[in-house]
Amino acid sequence: MKTLLRNAVLGLAGAALMIGANVASAAQSTTTFQVQAAVVANCLVTANSLAFGTYNPLAADLDVDTTVSVRCTNGTGYTVTLNAGTTTGATLAQRKMAFGTNYMNYNLYRDVARTEIFGDGAGGTFTVTGTGTGLGGGQAQTVNVRGRIPTGQDTLPIGTYTESTITVTVTF
């Protein structure tokens, strides 16, 4: 019995040593790493068409407004410019709409008084600048574009005059 008890105690002591050896061999080593991403400047632009409707050459100037929507990454500075259009003879100083070989004069402005021609900044034209607040839909910034057909174009034939492409450029 003494031998049995001694063998049991030795067995338990050996098991404890083995458990201790396993615990001692479960050491740890750690390190860290960095996570990084760079946000790049970006802008999105959309524009609504400008529809003057019916023009009466003997009435007052026909004024109609539209908007351009700009969304840029937060803190990104931008400049909005407009070109002259694609109608033959159009310039920033005098844009034109065509009906066949007939041309109607009009222009686009950035101010309510319609004294500042909205263009590319050259030749006395003006641009619109801003700073983005984010690319989400709620961060869109509205740029007003104010159109005017001047009165007195009384030799134009009846028809629908069109400028098919005014290009909006956002530089950032």
C-alpha atoms as a PDB file:
ATOM      1  CA  MET A   1       0.000   0.000   0.000  1.00  0.00           C
ATOM      2  CA  LYS A   2       2.852   2.297   0.826  1.00  0.00           C
ATOM      3  CA  THR A   3       4.319   1.542  -2.562  1.00  0.00           C
ATOM      4  CA  LEU A   4       1.025   2.182  -4.202  1.00  0.00           C
ATOM      5  CA  LEU A   5       0.669   5.488  -2.422  1.00  0.00           C
ATOM      6  CA  ARG A   6       4.269   6.426  -3.268  1.00  0.00           C
ATOM      7  CA  ASN A   7       3.710   5.544  -6.942  1.00  0.00           C
ATOM      8  CA  ALA A   8       0.518   7.654  -7.009  1.00  0.00           C
ATOM      9  CA  VAL A   9       2.304  10.645  -5.488  1.00  0.00           C
ATOM     10  CA  LEU A  10       5.194  10.269  -7.933  1.00  0.00           C
ATOM     11  CA  GLY A  11       2.735   9.956 -10.811  1.00  0.00           C
ATOM     12  CA  LEU A  12       0.912  13.105  -9.754  1.00  0.00           C
ATOM     13  CA  ALA A  13       4.185  14.950  -9.344  1.00  0.00           C
ATOM     14  CA  GLY A  14       5.284  13.855 -12.816  1.00  0.00           C
ATOM     15  CA  ALA A  15       1.981  14.935 -14.320  1.00  0.00           C
ATOM     16  CA  ALA A  16       2.311  18.335 -12.640  1.00  0.00           C
ATOM     17  CA  LEU A  17       5.806  18.705 -14.072  1.00  0.00           C
ATOM     18  CA  MET A  18       4.534  17.838 -17.534  1.00  0.00           C
ATOM     19  CA  ILE A  19       1.679  20.368 -17.256  1.00  0.00           C
ATOM     20  CA  GLY A  20       4.117  22.991 -16.011  1.00  0.00           C
ATOM     21  CA  ALA A  21       6.439  22.188 -18.890  1.00  0.00           C
ATOM     22  CA  ASN A  22       3.576  22.676 -21.361  1.00  0.00           C
ATOM     23  CA  VAL A  23       2.604  25.998 -19.771  1.00  0.00           C
ATOM     24  CA  ALA A  24       6.167  27.178 -19.834  1.00  0.00           C
ATOM     25  CA  SER A  25       6.493  26.316 -23.542  1.00  0.00           C
ATOM     26  CA  ALA A  26       3.426  28.493 -24.490  1.00  0.00           C
ATOM     27  CA  ALA A  27       5.391  31.780 -24.613  1.00  0.00           C
ATOM     28  CA  GLN A  28       4.243  34.711 -26.756  1.00  0.00           C
ATOM     29  CA  SER A  29       5.865  37.226 -29.072  1.00  0.00           C
ATOM     30  CA  THR A  30       4.007  40.304 -30.403  1.00  0.00           C
ATOM     31  CA  THR A  31       4.470  43.034 -32.957  1.00  0.00           C
ATOM     32  CA  THR A  32       2.351  45.805 -34.473  1.00  0.00           C
ATOM     33  CA  PHE A  33       1.576  46.995 -37.972  1.00  0.00           C
ATOM     34  CA  GLN A  34       0.163  50.193 -39.436  1.00  0.00           C
ATOM     35  CA  VAL A  35      -2.995  50.587 -41.528  1.00  0.00           C
ATOM     36  CA  GLN A  36      -3.057  53.490 -43.981  1.00  0.00           C
ATOM     37  CA  ALA A  37      -5.117  54.864 -46.878  1.00  0.00           C
ATOM     38  CA  ALA A  38      -4.768  58.105 -48.830  1.00  0.00           C
ATOM     39  CA  VAL A  39      -7.845  60.040 -49.949  1.00  0.00           C
ATOM     40  CA  VAL A  40      -7.269  61.591 -53.362  1.00  0.00           C
ATOM     41  CA  ALA A  41      -8.914  64.747 -54.659  1.00  0.00           C
ATOM     42  CA  ASN A  42     -11.943  64.027 -56.817  1.00  0.00           C
ATOM     43  CA  CYS A  43     -14.969  65.915 -58.116  1.00  0.00           C
ATOM     44  CA  LEU A  44     -18.268  64.966 -59.731  1.00  0.00           C
ATOM     45  CA  VAL A  45     -20.345  67.388 -61.787  1.00  0.00           C
ATOM     46  CA  THR A  46     -23.865  67.275 -63.211  1.00  0.00           C
ATOM     47  CA  ALA A  47     -25.772  69.952 -65.126  1.00  0.00           C
ATOM     48  CA  ASN A  48     -29.410  70.663 -65.849  1.00  0.00           C
ATOM     49  CA  SER A  49     -30.436  71.792 -69.325  1.00  0.00           C
ATOM     50  CA  LEU A  50     -31.425  75.401 -69.941  1.00  0.00           C
ATOM     51  CA  ALA A  51     -34.781  75.762 -71.689  1.00  0.00           C
ATOM     52  CA  PHE A  52     -35.674  79.327 -72.649  1.00  0.00           C
ATOM     53  CA  GLY A  53     -39.127  78.415 -73.872  1.00  0.00           C
ATOM     54  CA  THR A  54     -40.855  80.849 -76.239  1.00  0.00           C
ATOM     55  CA  TYR A  55     -38.976  83.953 -77.355  1.00  0.00           C
ATOM     56  CA  ASN A  56     -40.757  87.117 -78.499  1.00  0.00           C
ATOM     57  CA  PRO A  57     -38.238  89.443 -80.245  1.00  0.00           C
ATOM     58  CA  LEU A  58     -40.380  92.497 -79.445  1.00  0.00           C
ATOM     59  CA  ALA A  59     -40.706  91.763 -75.719  1.00  0.00           C
ATOM     60  CA  ALA A  60     -38.078  92.315 -73.018  1.00  0.00           C
ATOM     61  CA  ASP A  61     -34.922  90.216 -72.697  1.00  0.00           C
ATOM     62  CA  LEU A  62     -35.766  86.584 -71.974  1.00  0.00           C
ATOM     63  CA  ASP A  63     -34.010  85.462 -68.774  1.00  0.00           C
ATOM     64  CA  VAL A  64     -33.945  81.855 -67.577  1.00  0.00           C
ATOM     65  CA  ASP A  65     -31.745  80.123 -64.987  1.00  0.00           C
ATOM     66  CA  THR A  66     -30.383  76.608 -64.585  1.00  0.00           C
ATOM     67  CA  THR A  67     -27.925  74.943 -62.211  1.00  0.00           C
ATOM     68  CA  VAL A  68     -24.755  72.925 -62.160  1.00  0.00           C
ATOM     69  CA  SER A  69     -24.120  70.630 -59.204  1.00  0.00           C
ATOM     70  CA  VAL A  70     -20.542  70.089 -57.984  1.00  0.00           C
ATOM     71  CA  ARG A  71     -19.435  67.527 -55.396  1.00  0.00           C
ATOM     72  CA  CYS A  72     -15.745  67.319 -54.434  1.00  0.00           C
ATOM     73  CA  THR A  73     -13.803  65.555 -51.726  1.00  0.00           C
ATOM     74  CA  ASN A  74     -13.792  67.515 -48.497  1.00  0.00           C
ATOM     75  CA  GLY A  75     -11.319  70.400 -48.671  1.00  0.00           C
ATOM     76  CA  THR A  76     -10.706  70.140 -52.425  1.00  0.00           C
ATOM     77  CA  GLY A  77     -10.632  73.526 -54.140  1.00  0.00           C
ATOM     78  CA  TYR A  78     -12.284  73.651 -57.563  1.00  0.00           C
ATOM     79  CA  THR A  79     -13.001  76.020 -60.460  1.00  0.00           C
ATOM     80  CA  VAL A  80     -16.057  75.714 -62.721  1.00  0.00           C
ATOM     81  CA  THR A  81     -15.781  76.945 -66.319  1.00  0.00           C
ATOM     82  CA  LEU A  82     -18.125  76.918 -69.324  1.00  0.00           C
ATOM     83  CA  ASN A  83     -17.113  76.823 -72.980  1.00  0.00           C
ATOM     84  CA  ALA A  84     -18.671  78.850 -75.810  1.00  0.00           C
ATOM     85  CA  GLY A  85     -20.644  75.905 -77.162  1.00  0.00           C
ATOM     86  CA  THR A  86     -20.369  74.171 -80.508  1.00  0.00           C
ATOM     87  CA  THR A  87     -22.609  76.314 -82.712  1.00  0.00           C
ATOM     88  CA  THR A  88     -20.780  77.918 -85.644  1.00  0.00           C
ATOM     89  CA  GLY A  89     -19.629  81.421 -84.776  1.00  0.00           C
ATOM     90  CA  ALA A  90     -20.213  81.091 -81.030  1.00  0.00           C
ATOM     91  CA  THR A  91     -17.735  82.783 -78.702  1.00  0.00           C
ATOM     92  CA  LEU A  92     -17.712  83.351 -74.968  1.00  0.00           C
ATOM     93  CA  ALA A  93     -18.573  87.003 -75.636  1.00  0.00           C
ATOM     94  CA  GLN A  94     -21.571  85.987 -77.815  1.00  0.00           C
ATOM     95  CA  ARG A  95     -22.948  82.469 -77.676  1.00  0.00           C
ATOM     96  CA  LYS A  96     -25.300  81.315 -80.435  1.00  0.00           C
ATOM     97  CA  MET A  97     -28.114  78.841 -80.999  1.00  0.00           C
ATOM     98  CA  ALA A  98     -28.861  77.561 -84.502  1.00  0.00           C
ATOM     99  CA  PHE A  99     -31.944  76.740 -86.533  1.00  0.00           C
ATOM    100  CA  GLY A 100     -30.612  75.541 -89.871  1.00  0.00           C
ATOM    101  CA  THR A 101     -28.407  78.380 -91.127  1.00  0.00           C
ATOM    102  CA  ASN A 102     -30.032  80.958 -88.833  1.00  0.00           C
ATOM    103  CA  TYR A 103     -28.472  82.006 -85.541  1.00  0.00           C
ATOM    104  CA  MET A 104     -29.962  83.433 -82.352  1.00  0.00           C
ATOM    105  CA  ASN A 105     -27.679  85.300 -79.941  1.00  0.00           C
ATOM    106  CA  TYR A 106     -27.730  84.540 -76.236  1.00  0.00           C
ATOM    107  CA  ASN A 107     -25.306  84.336 -73.357  1.00  0.00           C
ATOM    108  CA  LEU A 108     -24.704  82.730 -69.979  1.00  0.00           C
ATOM    109  CA  TYR A 109     -23.859  84.651 -66.830  1.00  0.00           C
ATOM    110  CA  ARG A 110     -22.834  83.873 -63.278  1.00  0.00           C
ATOM    111  CA  ASP A 111     -24.556  86.855 -61.615  1.00  0.00           C
ATOM    112  CA  VAL A 112     -28.201  87.834 -61.219  1.00  0.00           C
ATOM    113  CA  ALA A 113     -27.677  91.196 -62.972  1.00  0.00           C
ATOM    114  CA  ARG A 114     -26.293  89.287 -65.986  1.00  0.00           C
ATOM    115  CA  THR A 115     -23.208  91.456 -66.311  1.00  0.00           C
ATOM    116  CA  GLU A 116     -20.537  88.774 -65.664  1.00  0.00           C
ATOM    117  CA  ILE A 117     -20.288  86.341 -68.587  1.00  0.00           C
ATOM    118  CA  PHE A 118     -19.750  82.792 -67.327  1.00  0.00           C
ATOM    119  CA  GLY A 119     -16.803  81.447 -69.309  1.00  0.00           C
ATOM    120  CA  ASP A 120     -13.251  80.228 -68.792  1.00  0.00           C
ATOM    121  CA  GLY A 121     -11.746  83.338 -67.201  1.00  0.00           C
ATOM    122  CA  ALA A 122     -10.233  84.582 -70.488  1.00  0.00           C
ATOM    123  CA  GLY A 123     -11.267  87.688 -72.406  1.00  0.00           C
ATOM    124  CA  GLY A 124     -13.073  89.281 -69.471  1.00  0.00           C
ATOM    125  CA  THR A 125     -15.230  86.226 -68.693  1.00  0.00           C
ATOM    126  CA  PHE A 126     -15.695  84.849 -65.193  1.00  0.00           C
ATOM    127  CA  THR A 127     -15.464  81.458 -63.498  1.00  0.00           C
ATOM    128  CA  VAL A 128     -16.907  80.119 -60.232  1.00  0.00           C
ATOM    129  CA  THR A 129     -14.662  78.721 -57.489  1.00  0.00           C
ATOM    130  CA  GLY A 130     -15.428  76.754 -54.369  1.00  0.00           C
ATOM    131  CA  THR A 131     -14.212  74.166 -51.885  1.00  0.00           C
ATOM    132  CA  GLY A 132     -15.682  70.681 -51.705  1.00  0.00           C
ATOM    133  CA  THR A 133     -17.411  69.385 -48.590  1.00  0.00           C
ATOM    134  CA  GLY A 134     -17.641  65.726 -49.614  1.00  0.00           C
ATOM    135  CA  LEU A 135     -18.749  63.461 -52.434  1.00  0.00           C
ATOM    136  CA  GLY A 136     -22.083  62.379 -50.960  1.00  0.00           C
ATOM    137  CA  GLY A 137     -25.338  63.665 -52.404  1.00  0.00           C
ATOM    138  CA  GLY A 138     -25.878  65.907 -49.371  1.00  0.00           C
ATOM    139  CA  GLN A 139     -22.600  67.701 -50.040  1.00  0.00           C
ATOM    140  CA  ALA A 140     -23.518  68.967 -53.523  1.00  0.00           C
ATOM    141  CA  GLN A 141     -22.812  72.631 -54.108  1.00  0.00           C
ATOM    142  CA  THR A 142     -25.063  74.473 -56.537  1.00  0.00           C
ATOM    143  CA  VAL A 143     -23.629  76.801 -59.161  1.00  0.00           C
ATOM    144  CA  ASN A 144     -26.202  79.056 -60.815  1.00  0.00           C
ATOM    145  CA  VAL A 145     -26.052  79.590 -64.571  1.00  0.00           C
ATOM    146  CA  ARG A 146     -28.166  82.507 -65.755  1.00  0.00           C
ATOM    147  CA  GLY A 147     -29.163  82.674 -69.387  1.00  0.00           C
ATOM    148  CA  ARG A 148     -30.362  85.650 -71.413  1.00  0.00           C
ATOM    149  CA  ILE A 149     -31.649  86.054 -74.962  1.00  0.00           C
ATOM    150  CA  PRO A 150     -31.520  89.788 -75.695  1.00  0.00           C
ATOM    151  CA  THR A 151     -34.556  91.472 -77.163  1.00  0.00           C
ATOM    152  CA  GLY A 152     -34.559  92.875 -80.687  1.00  0.00           C
ATOM    153  CA  GLN A 153     -33.606  89.824 -82.739  1.00  0.00           C
ATOM    154  CA  ASP A 154     -36.603  90.553 -84.966  1.00  0.00           C
ATOM    155  CA  THR A 155     -35.358  89.122 -88.277  1.00  0.00           C
ATOM    156  CA  LEU A 156     -35.159  85.514 -87.048  1.00  0.00           C
ATOM    157  CA  PRO A 157     -37.368  83.008 -88.869  1.00  0.00           C
ATOM    158  CA  ILE A 158     -39.816  80.966 -86.837  1.00  0.00           C
ATOM    159  CA  GLY A 159     -38.268  77.733 -85.546  1.00  0.00           C
ATOM    160  CA  THR A 160     -36.621  75.988 -82.613  1.00  0.00           C
ATOM    161  CA  TYR A 161     -33.075  77.231 -82.038  1.00  0.00           C
ATOM    162  CA  THR A 162     -30.632  74.941 -80.273  1.00  0.00           C
ATOM    163  CA  GLU A 163     -27.137  74.839 -78.849  1.00  0.00           C
ATOM    164  CA  SER A 164     -26.485  71.134 -78.453  1.00  0.00           C
ATOM    165  CA  THR A 165     -23.411  71.228 -76.245  1.00  0.00           C
ATOM    166  CA  ILE A 166     -22.205  73.598 -73.568  1.00  0.00           C
ATOM    167  CA  THR A 167     -19.326  71.888 -71.768  1.00  0.00           C
ATOM    168  CA  VAL A 168     -18.990  72.354 -68.009  1.00  0.00           C
ATOM    169  CA  THR A 169     -15.452  71.744 -66.752  1.00  0.00           C
ATOM    170  CA  VAL A 170     -14.499  71.382 -63.097  1.00  0.00           C
ATOM    171  CA  THR A 171     -10.782  71.768 -62.490  1.00  0.00           C
ATOM    172  CA  PHE A 172      -9.494  70.647 -59.092  1.00  0.00           C
END
